[in-house]
Protein backbone atom coordinates (compact mmCIF):
# COMPACT_ATOMS: atom_id res chain seq x y z
CA UNK A 1 -16.60 8.42 8.75
CA UNK A 2 -19.48 10.96 10.17
CA UNK A 3 -21.63 6.95 11.00
CA UNK A 4 -24.94 8.94 8.76
CA UNK A 5 -27.10 7.36 6.48
CA UNK A 6 -24.91 7.08 2.50
CA UNK A 7 -27.22 8.98 0.36
CA UNK A 8 -28.59 6.73 -2.31
CA UNK A 9 -26.39 4.94 -5.25
CA UNK A 10 -23.25 6.72 -2.83
CA UNK A 11 -20.57 3.79 -2.11
CA UNK A 12 -18.39 3.95 1.44
CA UNK A 13 -17.78 7.91 2.14
CA UNK A 14 -20.22 10.07 1.10
CA UNK A 15 -19.63 13.19 -0.47
CA UNK A 16 -19.04 15.85 2.10
CA UNK A 17 -16.42 12.39 4.47
CA UNK A 18 -14.83 12.26 0.73
CA UNK A 19 -14.60 16.21 0.54
CA UNK A 20 -12.95 16.34 3.65
CA UNK A 21 -10.32 13.75 3.25
CA UNK A 22 -6.63 15.29 2.71
CA UNK A 23 -5.59 14.01 -0.06
CA UNK A 24 -1.41 14.41 -0.84
CA UNK A 25 -1.21 15.09 -4.34
CA UNK A 26 1.46 13.63 -4.83
CA UNK A 27 0.62 11.50 -8.54
CA UNK A 28 0.27 14.79 -10.36
CA UNK A 29 4.43 15.61 -8.61
CA UNK A 30 5.11 12.12 -9.99
CA UNK A 31 9.28 11.33 -9.85
CA UNK A 32 9.07 14.76 -8.19
CA UNK A 33 7.09 14.15 -5.51
CA UNK A 34 9.31 14.30 -1.91
CA UNK A 35 7.96 11.10 -0.50
CA UNK A 36 10.13 9.19 -3.02
CA UNK A 37 13.14 10.76 -0.66
CA UNK A 38 12.52 8.59 2.00
CA UNK A 39 14.43 5.50 0.15
CA UNK A 40 17.35 7.22 -1.43
CA UNK A 41 20.58 5.15 -0.50
CA UNK A 42 18.56 2.57 0.79
CA UNK A 43 16.83 0.89 -2.39
CA UNK A 44 16.07 1.76 -5.88
CA UNK A 45 12.45 2.78 -6.37
CA UNK A 46 10.53 3.89 -10.04
CA UNK A 47 8.40 5.80 -8.01
CA UNK A 48 7.31 6.33 -4.36
CA UNK A 49 2.70 7.47 -4.12
CA UNK A 50 0.70 7.79 -0.85
CA UNK A 51 -2.69 9.22 -1.46
CA UNK A 52 -3.82 9.85 1.70
CA UNK A 53 -2.08 12.27 4.75
CA UNK A 54 -2.49 10.49 7.78
CA UNK A 55 -2.28 12.53 11.47
CA UNK A 56 -3.94 11.04 14.59
CA UNK A 57 -7.20 11.59 15.04
CA UNK A 58 -7.72 12.86 11.97
CA UNK A 59 -10.38 11.15 8.94
CA UNK A 60 -7.44 9.08 8.04
CA UNK A 61 -6.64 7.42 10.86
CA UNK A 62 -10.62 6.60 11.36
CA UNK A 63 -10.18 4.52 7.64
CA UNK A 64 -7.28 3.17 8.71
CA UNK A 65 -8.74 1.86 11.69
CA UNK A 66 -11.81 0.42 10.02
CA UNK A 67 -9.92 -1.71 7.42
CA UNK A 68 -7.69 -2.64 9.66
CA UNK A 69 -9.83 -3.58 12.75
CA UNK A 70 -13.35 -3.03 11.59
CA UNK A 71 -14.39 -5.69 8.38
CA UNK A 72 -13.75 -3.03 6.30
CA UNK A 73 -13.32 -4.92 3.64
CA UNK A 74 -15.75 -3.38 0.81
CA UNK A 75 -14.27 0.04 2.22
CA UNK A 76 -10.58 -1.10 1.01
CA UNK A 77 -11.73 -2.05 -2.04
CA UNK A 78 -13.13 0.82 -2.95
CA UNK A 79 -9.79 3.02 -1.61
CA UNK A 80 -7.66 1.16 -3.37
CA UNK A 81 -9.73 1.90 -6.34
CA UNK A 82 -10.02 5.66 -5.83
CA UNK A 83 -6.31 4.98 -5.64
CA UNK A 84 -6.16 4.21 -8.88
CA UNK A 85 -8.59 6.61 -10.38
CA UNK A 86 -6.47 9.42 -8.81
CA UNK A 87 -3.03 7.97 -10.24
CA UNK A 88 -4.97 6.86 -14.23
CA UNK A 89 -6.12 10.43 -13.95
CA UNK A 90 -2.63 11.99 -13.63
CA UNK A 91 -0.30 12.87 -16.48
CA UNK A 92 2.98 10.74 -14.90
CA UNK A 93 0.75 7.46 -14.92
CA UNK A 94 2.70 4.55 -15.90
CA UNK A 95 1.56 1.61 -16.52
CA UNK A 96 1.97 -1.47 -14.52
CA UNK A 97 2.40 -4.99 -15.34
CA UNK A 98 1.03 -5.92 -12.09
CA UNK A 99 0.08 -5.37 -8.30
CA UNK A 100 1.91 -7.70 -4.81
CA UNK A 101 0.22 -6.45 -1.77
CA UNK A 102 2.78 -6.15 1.48
CA UNK A 103 2.58 -9.68 2.76
CA UNK A 104 0.22 -10.73 6.41
CA UNK A 105 2.54 -13.17 8.74
CA UNK A 106 -0.51 -16.87 8.81
CA UNK A 107 -1.39 -15.67 12.13
CA UNK A 108 -2.43 -12.20 12.42
CA UNK A 109 -4.08 -13.20 8.28
CA UNK A 110 -5.90 -15.85 10.69
CA UNK A 111 -6.67 -13.81 13.24
CA UNK A 112 -7.72 -10.82 10.97
CA UNK A 113 -9.49 -12.66 8.09
CA UNK A 114 -7.69 -10.55 5.58
CA UNK A 115 -5.09 -9.01 4.56
CA UNK A 116 -5.98 -5.25 4.05
CA UNK A 117 -3.12 -4.40 1.56
CA UNK A 118 -4.50 -7.28 -0.65
CA UNK A 119 -8.33 -5.36 -0.60
CA UNK A 120 -6.25 -2.39 -1.21
CA UNK A 121 -4.47 -4.57 -4.42
CA UNK A 122 -8.22 -5.56 -5.94
CA UNK A 123 -9.31 -1.97 -6.40
CA UNK A 124 -6.52 -1.62 -7.68
CA UNK A 125 -6.14 -4.39 -10.24
CA UNK A 126 -10.21 -3.76 -11.57
CA UNK A 127 -9.11 -0.19 -12.35
CA UNK A 128 -5.79 -0.56 -13.95
CA UNK A 129 -6.58 -4.24 -15.03
CA UNK A 130 -3.69 -5.67 -14.25
CA UNK A 131 -3.01 -9.19 -12.35
CA UNK A 132 -2.65 -9.27 -8.25
CA UNK A 133 0.44 -11.46 -7.60
CA UNK A 134 -0.39 -12.71 -4.51
CA UNK A 135 1.23 -16.37 -4.15
CA UNK A 136 4.66 -14.20 -4.81
CA UNK A 137 6.06 -12.43 -1.24
CA UNK A 138 5.62 -13.95 1.81
CA UNK A 139 6.08 -13.17 5.40
CA UNK A 140 7.75 -15.96 6.61
CA UNK A 141 8.39 -14.93 10.88
CA UNK A 142 5.78 -12.92 13.19
CA UNK A 143 7.61 -10.31 14.15
CA UNK A 144 7.02 -7.98 16.79
CA UNK A 145 4.03 -4.72 15.76
CA UNK A 146 5.82 -1.81 14.49
CA UNK A 147 4.21 0.78 16.23
CA UNK A 148 5.88 2.95 18.29
CA UNK A 149 9.18 1.82 17.73
CA UNK A 150 11.87 4.19 15.59
CA UNK A 151 13.46 3.83 12.39
CA UNK A 152 16.41 2.04 13.12
CA UNK A 153 13.73 -0.74 15.29
CA UNK A 154 11.42 -0.79 12.55
CA UNK A 155 14.05 -1.51 9.82
CA UNK A 156 15.78 -4.45 12.56
CA UNK A 157 12.58 -5.83 13.21
CA UNK A 158 12.03 -6.03 8.98
CA UNK A 159 15.00 -7.39 8.40
CA UNK A 160 14.93 -11.08 6.99
CA UNK A 161 11.12 -11.48 7.67
CA UNK A 162 9.83 -11.67 3.59
CA UNK A 163 10.76 -14.63 1.12
CA UNK A 164 9.53 -14.97 -2.67
CA UNK A 165 8.48 -17.90 -3.83
CA UNK A 166 7.64 -18.40 -8.43
CA UNK A 167 9.84 -15.20 -8.77
CA UNK A 168 9.99 -16.50 -12.33
CA UNK A 169 6.63 -15.07 -12.72
CA UNK A 170 7.45 -11.78 -12.29
CA UNK A 171 10.99 -11.36 -13.73
CA UNK A 172 11.15 -8.26 -16.48
CA UNK A 173 8.06 -6.68 -15.31
CA UNK A 174 6.92 -3.15 -13.52
CA UNK A 175 5.46 -4.46 -10.24
CA UNK A 176 3.47 -1.88 -7.74
CA UNK A 177 3.57 -2.66 -4.79
CA UNK A 178 1.36 -2.06 -2.15
CA UNK A 179 0.66 -1.74 2.08
CA UNK A 180 -1.73 0.66 3.81
CA UNK A 181 0.57 3.25 5.20
CA UNK A 182 3.66 4.14 4.97
CA UNK A 183 5.87 6.02 8.01
CA UNK A 184 9.34 4.79 8.12
CA UNK A 185 9.20 2.62 4.92
CA UNK A 186 11.50 0.19 6.63
CA UNK A 187 8.79 -2.73 6.37
CA UNK A 188 8.46 -1.54 2.30
CA UNK A 189 12.32 -1.40 2.31
CA UNK A 190 12.54 -4.73 3.44
CA UNK A 191 9.63 -6.24 0.53
CA UNK A 192 12.12 -4.39 -2.20
CA UNK A 193 14.83 -5.34 -0.76
CA UNK A 194 14.21 -9.05 -0.66
CA UNK A 195 11.78 -8.94 -4.43
CA UNK A 196 15.24 -7.28 -5.50
CA UNK A 197 17.43 -9.97 -4.56
CA UNK A 198 15.12 -12.80 -5.65
CA UNK A 199 13.69 -11.80 -8.75
CA UNK A 200 16.01 -10.53 -11.97
CA UNK A 201 15.57 -7.27 -14.02
CA UNK A 202 12.04 -6.37 -11.91
CA UNK A 203 11.15 -2.54 -11.83
CA UNK A 204 9.27 -1.67 -8.29
CA UNK A 205 7.09 1.00 -8.04
CA UNK A 206 4.99 1.51 -4.52
CA UNK A 207 1.53 2.89 -3.33
CA UNK A 208 -0.17 2.69 -0.12
CA UNK A 209 -3.31 4.72 1.21
CA UNK A 210 -1.64 6.47 3.89
CA UNK A 211 1.64 8.71 4.50
CA UNK A 212 2.47 9.52 7.75
CA UNK A 213 4.54 12.55 7.93
């Protein structure tokens, strides 16, 4: 973020840049974190968490830009590990059976070369020592960008975009649904509803890298 050379044995972020991150500390509040209210009355979720607050022209925006548009693969995995370590150290930590990253449409995946949510999931998986189910949730329609859309427009934009394969592999499990940023919750809501409609007795929690207030 500061574009200086990293000190020896430090990974991705120097101490100063790490200390300048705006952590939400939602993991310390557990199910009492107000972020859970975003989905009330829309889809039942066990828990919703985000690691960082997102604000325009902030360090978090810089990080997201590096991850999504500047091939910041190592940074994404590192931040996934940080997400896991913060959550694991919380008194409200819960065990999960597996992780599902929010899917990218194949055209966007081909253009970018990777799915940043899957890289975050990889970091989480390494710390939690649980599998990633990346062959379950698919995005079958290339919808227009969610940027600058209202909440209602976002919900309409992602309606019936996702579908599920191999539902039996996650039946009766507690799954952590992972994405890079939570804004209105429209994309994550669509994913959660699709999963719940397709998979019997599925418990879903959500964890994102950032939360845009």
